[in-house]
Amino acid sequence: MGTRRKSLRLLSLALCLALCGLLSGAEKPEADAFEPPADLDEGWYARIETSKGRVIARLLPEQAAQAVAHFAGLAQATLPWTNMITGEMMTTHYYDGMLVHTVVAGRLFETGDAGSIGGVMPLLYVPEEGFGPIDFSRSYMMGMTRMGGGRISAVKFFVTAAGQPWLNGQNPCFGQVVEGKEVVFNISQVRSYSNRRPIEDIFIEKIRVFKVGDPPPLPEPVPFKPTRKKLEMRSSDP
């Protein structure tokens, strides 16, 4: 009898271990599972999770190919970038956990600076582009920031809460907000210091890119080194 009981205990233990193995090997739900809204048109989109709520924007690779390519590569951790504080080459989700470093009341907010002071970011740039039919004349658009010397950042971007037509032809327009417009507006209204830095910390918790339908693949990011414009000597002759 003792031998039989021992055999039964061993059999029960084996069955338990086998069941545990099956459970552990079962497919686990993705931690970042997300179901896109059903009413989105075919295309590429950015899901921007902020500490104030979610924003979804349709990307515009058809008119700002390199702005979209760099933005998507940094958001998806497929484009390596240099940490300007440590000098280390990184392959992480660049925007995750980043602060919104600028707000302009009722007009826009800006992010993309790893140092949160507006000037510490990878030296990545994009060419003059994005001046297509969809522009900043309407509200709730995404654009890349133009830096000193006319260089256009491939890292810092802004989201408008109102029409900014003066930006047309100056900054690449590479996205259009389709959900979460109230989030954009609320962030733009946050009180700020005199340098436009928000008094309240606002975080970009994560940015992920997704597609709806079967749009053409996103373009690959191409390195771009802007050249400074040379001063031209003008003759005094009539």
Protein backbone atom coordinates (compact mmCIF):
# COMPACT_ATOMS: atom_id res chain seq x y z
CA MET A 1 0.00 0.00 0.00
CA GLY A 2 2.85 2.36 0.88
CA THR A 3 4.43 1.90 -2.52
CA ARG A 4 1.07 2.51 -4.22
CA ARG A 5 0.47 5.74 -2.27
CA LYS A 6 3.96 6.94 -3.11
CA SER A 7 3.34 6.24 -6.79
CA LEU A 8 0.06 8.18 -6.69
CA ARG A 9 1.77 11.16 -5.03
CA LEU A 10 4.49 11.13 -7.70
CA LEU A 11 1.88 10.93 -10.45
CA SER A 12 -0.05 13.85 -8.94
CA LEU A 13 3.17 15.89 -8.70
CA ALA A 14 4.03 15.10 -12.33
CA LEU A 15 0.57 16.16 -13.48
CA CYS A 16 0.82 19.38 -11.48
CA LEU A 17 4.22 20.21 -12.96
CA ALA A 18 2.98 19.46 -16.45
CA LEU A 19 -0.04 21.74 -15.95
CA CYS A 20 2.18 24.53 -14.62
CA GLY A 21 4.41 24.14 -17.65
CA LEU A 22 1.46 24.46 -19.99
CA LEU A 23 0.25 27.57 -18.21
CA SER A 24 3.67 29.22 -18.20
CA GLY A 25 4.09 28.44 -21.87
CA ALA A 26 0.72 29.91 -22.77
CA GLU A 27 0.75 33.15 -24.74
CA LYS A 28 0.63 36.12 -22.38
CA PRO A 29 -1.30 39.26 -23.29
CA GLU A 30 0.88 42.12 -24.49
CA ALA A 31 1.45 44.64 -21.72
CA ASP A 32 0.99 47.53 -24.16
CA ALA A 33 -2.12 46.13 -25.87
CA PHE A 34 -4.05 48.85 -27.70
CA GLU A 35 -7.14 48.72 -29.86
CA PRO A 36 -7.26 51.62 -32.39
CA PRO A 37 -10.54 53.51 -32.73
CA ALA A 38 -12.78 51.91 -35.34
CA ASP A 39 -13.39 55.12 -37.29
CA LEU A 40 -9.79 55.80 -38.37
CA ASP A 41 -8.98 55.92 -42.07
CA GLU A 42 -6.22 53.79 -43.55
CA GLY A 43 -2.79 55.19 -42.78
CA TRP A 44 -0.03 55.53 -40.19
CA TYR A 45 -0.74 56.99 -36.75
CA ALA A 46 1.08 58.02 -33.60
CA ARG A 47 -0.37 57.23 -30.19
CA ILE A 48 0.94 59.81 -27.73
CA GLU A 49 0.27 58.91 -24.11
CA THR A 50 0.72 61.95 -21.85
CA SER A 51 0.21 62.54 -18.16
CA LYS A 52 -2.84 64.58 -19.22
CA GLY A 53 -4.37 61.92 -21.48
CA ARG A 54 -4.06 60.28 -24.87
CA VAL A 55 -3.54 61.96 -28.24
CA ILE A 56 -3.75 60.14 -31.58
CA ALA A 57 -2.38 61.82 -34.70
CA ARG A 58 -2.38 60.71 -38.31
CA LEU A 59 1.15 60.91 -39.71
CA LEU A 60 1.81 62.51 -43.10
CA PRO A 61 4.70 60.69 -44.78
CA GLU A 62 3.35 61.73 -48.16
CA GLN A 63 4.38 65.34 -47.51
CA ALA A 64 7.04 65.09 -44.78
CA ALA A 65 8.81 61.80 -45.38
CA GLN A 66 11.94 62.34 -43.31
CA ALA A 67 10.18 64.09 -40.43
CA VAL A 68 7.87 61.08 -40.13
CA ALA A 69 10.70 58.57 -40.63
CA HIS A 70 12.84 60.07 -37.84
CA PHE A 71 9.91 60.60 -35.49
CA ALA A 72 8.69 57.03 -35.96
CA GLY A 73 12.19 55.57 -35.66
CA LEU A 74 12.83 57.36 -32.37
CA ALA A 75 9.39 56.50 -31.00
CA GLN A 76 9.68 52.82 -31.95
CA ALA A 77 13.32 52.41 -30.80
CA THR A 78 14.51 51.46 -34.30
CA LEU A 79 16.64 54.57 -34.88
CA PRO A 80 19.80 54.80 -32.71
CA TRP A 81 20.40 58.16 -31.05
CA THR A 82 23.20 59.70 -29.01
CA ASN A 83 22.67 60.69 -25.39
CA MET A 84 24.15 64.18 -25.42
CA ILE A 85 24.71 64.12 -21.65
CA THR A 86 26.64 60.84 -21.44
CA GLY A 87 27.77 60.44 -25.06
CA GLU A 88 26.32 56.93 -25.11
CA MET A 89 24.66 55.52 -28.22
CA MET A 90 21.10 54.50 -27.32
CA THR A 91 18.51 52.25 -28.96
CA THR A 92 15.57 52.89 -26.64
CA HIS A 93 12.19 54.57 -27.09
CA TYR A 94 13.46 58.13 -27.21
CA TYR A 95 10.33 60.01 -26.17
CA ASP A 96 9.22 57.77 -23.30
CA GLY A 97 9.20 59.64 -19.99
CA MET A 98 10.20 62.95 -21.55
CA LEU A 99 8.92 66.27 -20.23
CA VAL A 100 6.96 68.84 -22.18
CA HIS A 101 9.43 71.71 -21.93
CA THR A 102 7.45 74.51 -23.60
CA VAL A 103 3.84 75.64 -23.59
CA VAL A 104 2.43 78.70 -25.32
CA ALA A 105 -0.97 79.57 -23.89
CA GLY A 106 -3.74 78.35 -26.15
CA ARG A 107 -1.34 77.89 -29.07
CA LEU A 108 0.94 74.85 -28.72
CA PHE A 109 3.17 72.65 -26.62
CA GLU A 110 6.64 71.33 -27.46
CA THR A 111 8.71 68.34 -26.40
CA GLY A 112 11.66 66.25 -27.58
CA ASP A 113 14.50 67.70 -25.50
CA ALA A 114 16.09 65.03 -23.31
CA GLY A 115 17.56 67.69 -21.01
CA SER A 116 14.18 69.38 -20.61
CA ILE A 117 15.68 72.81 -21.15
CA GLY A 118 15.14 73.14 -24.88
CA GLY A 119 18.69 72.49 -26.08
CA VAL A 120 19.96 69.01 -25.11
CA MET A 121 19.04 66.56 -27.84
CA PRO A 122 20.62 64.29 -30.46
CA LEU A 123 22.04 66.17 -33.40
CA LEU A 124 19.54 64.81 -35.91
CA TYR A 125 18.05 67.01 -38.60
CA VAL A 126 15.68 66.75 -41.55
CA PRO A 127 15.63 68.67 -44.86
CA GLU A 128 13.21 71.34 -45.92
CA GLU A 129 9.94 69.47 -46.47
CA GLY A 130 6.38 69.17 -45.24
CA PHE A 131 5.08 72.29 -46.93
CA GLY A 132 2.19 70.45 -48.55
CA PRO A 133 -1.56 70.98 -48.74
CA ILE A 134 -2.04 70.12 -45.04
CA ASP A 135 -0.51 72.92 -43.02
CA PHE A 136 -0.68 74.99 -39.84
CA SER A 137 -3.52 77.17 -41.07
CA ARG A 138 -5.78 74.73 -39.22
CA SER A 139 -5.49 73.78 -35.56
CA TYR A 140 -4.19 70.55 -33.97
CA MET A 141 -1.23 69.88 -36.23
CA MET A 142 2.21 68.37 -35.50
CA GLY A 143 5.39 70.05 -36.69
CA MET A 144 9.15 69.73 -36.35
CA THR A 145 10.97 72.58 -34.62
CA ARG A 146 13.24 74.88 -36.61
CA MET A 147 16.49 75.45 -34.74
CA GLY A 148 18.99 78.30 -34.80
CA GLY A 149 20.73 78.75 -38.13
CA GLY A 150 17.67 77.46 -40.00
CA ARG A 151 18.28 73.79 -39.16
CA ILE A 152 15.12 71.71 -38.71
CA SER A 153 15.28 69.27 -35.81
CA ALA A 154 14.39 65.62 -36.37
CA VAL A 155 13.81 65.24 -32.64
CA LYS A 156 11.96 68.20 -31.16
CA PHE A 157 8.34 68.56 -32.22
CA PHE A 158 5.31 70.62 -31.29
CA VAL A 159 1.55 70.16 -31.39
CA THR A 160 -0.64 73.18 -32.06
CA ALA A 161 -3.90 73.96 -30.30
CA ALA A 162 -4.89 76.75 -32.71
CA GLY A 163 -4.12 77.78 -36.27
CA GLN A 164 -0.56 79.07 -36.73
CA PRO A 165 -0.38 80.07 -40.42
CA TRP A 166 2.88 81.97 -39.90
CA LEU A 167 4.57 78.56 -39.53
CA ASN A 168 3.64 77.55 -43.08
CA GLY A 169 6.75 77.22 -45.23
CA GLN A 170 8.95 77.40 -42.12
CA ASN A 171 8.38 74.17 -40.18
CA PRO A 172 7.60 70.69 -41.55
CA CYS A 173 3.99 69.73 -40.91
CA PHE A 174 4.09 65.95 -40.42
CA GLY A 175 0.95 65.01 -38.47
CA GLN A 176 -2.67 65.87 -37.74
CA VAL A 177 -4.42 65.18 -34.44
CA VAL A 178 -7.56 63.08 -34.90
CA GLU A 179 -8.30 62.20 -31.28
CA GLY A 180 -7.50 63.90 -27.98
CA LYS A 181 -7.76 67.51 -29.14
CA GLU A 182 -8.98 68.49 -25.69
CA VAL A 183 -5.79 66.99 -24.25
CA VAL A 184 -3.66 69.15 -26.55
CA PHE A 185 -5.62 72.26 -25.62
CA ASN A 186 -5.44 71.53 -21.90
CA ILE A 187 -1.67 71.04 -22.03
CA SER A 188 -1.24 74.31 -23.93
CA GLN A 189 -3.18 76.10 -21.19
CA VAL A 190 -0.98 74.93 -18.31
CA ARG A 191 0.58 77.83 -16.41
CA SER A 192 4.24 78.45 -17.20
CA TYR A 193 7.26 80.43 -16.09
CA SER A 194 8.48 83.42 -18.08
CA ASN A 195 10.61 81.09 -20.23
CA ARG A 196 7.45 79.12 -21.14
CA ARG A 197 8.52 76.10 -19.09
CA PRO A 198 5.38 74.57 -17.49
CA ILE A 199 5.14 75.10 -13.73
CA GLU A 200 3.47 71.69 -13.52
CA ASP A 201 5.50 68.77 -14.85
CA ILE A 202 3.78 67.24 -17.89
CA PHE A 203 5.17 63.96 -19.16
CA ILE A 204 5.14 62.18 -22.48
CA GLU A 205 4.66 58.73 -21.00
CA LYS A 206 5.16 56.93 -24.31
CA ILE A 207 4.75 57.30 -28.05
CA ARG A 208 3.98 54.33 -30.29
CA VAL A 209 3.33 54.20 -34.02
CA PHE A 210 0.66 51.95 -35.51
CA LYS A 211 -1.07 51.49 -38.83
CA VAL A 212 -4.67 51.07 -39.92
CA GLY A 213 -5.35 49.01 -43.02
CA ASP A 214 -2.50 48.36 -45.41
CA PRO A 215 -0.77 51.70 -46.14
CA PRO A 216 2.61 51.86 -47.95
CA PRO A 217 5.59 51.22 -45.64
CA LEU A 218 7.04 54.20 -43.84
CA PRO A 219 10.20 55.68 -45.40
CA GLU A 220 13.57 54.89 -43.86
CA PRO A 221 15.33 57.75 -42.02
CA VAL A 222 18.18 59.20 -44.06
CA PRO A 223 21.00 61.10 -42.29
CA PHE A 224 20.96 64.77 -43.19
CA LYS A 225 23.62 67.39 -42.45
CA PRO A 226 22.37 70.92 -43.05
CA THR A 227 24.84 73.46 -44.37
CA ARG A 228 24.93 77.02 -43.21
CA LYS A 229 23.99 79.53 -45.85
CA LYS A 230 26.94 81.55 -47.09
CA LEU A 231 26.75 85.31 -47.06
CA GLU A 232 26.74 86.76 -50.56
CA MET A 233 28.79 89.82 -51.42
CA ARG A 234 26.70 92.38 -53.25
CA SER A 235 28.18 94.89 -55.63
CA SER A 236 27.54 98.57 -55.05
CA ASP A 237 27.26 99.09 -58.83
CA PRO A 238 23.77 99.86 -60.09
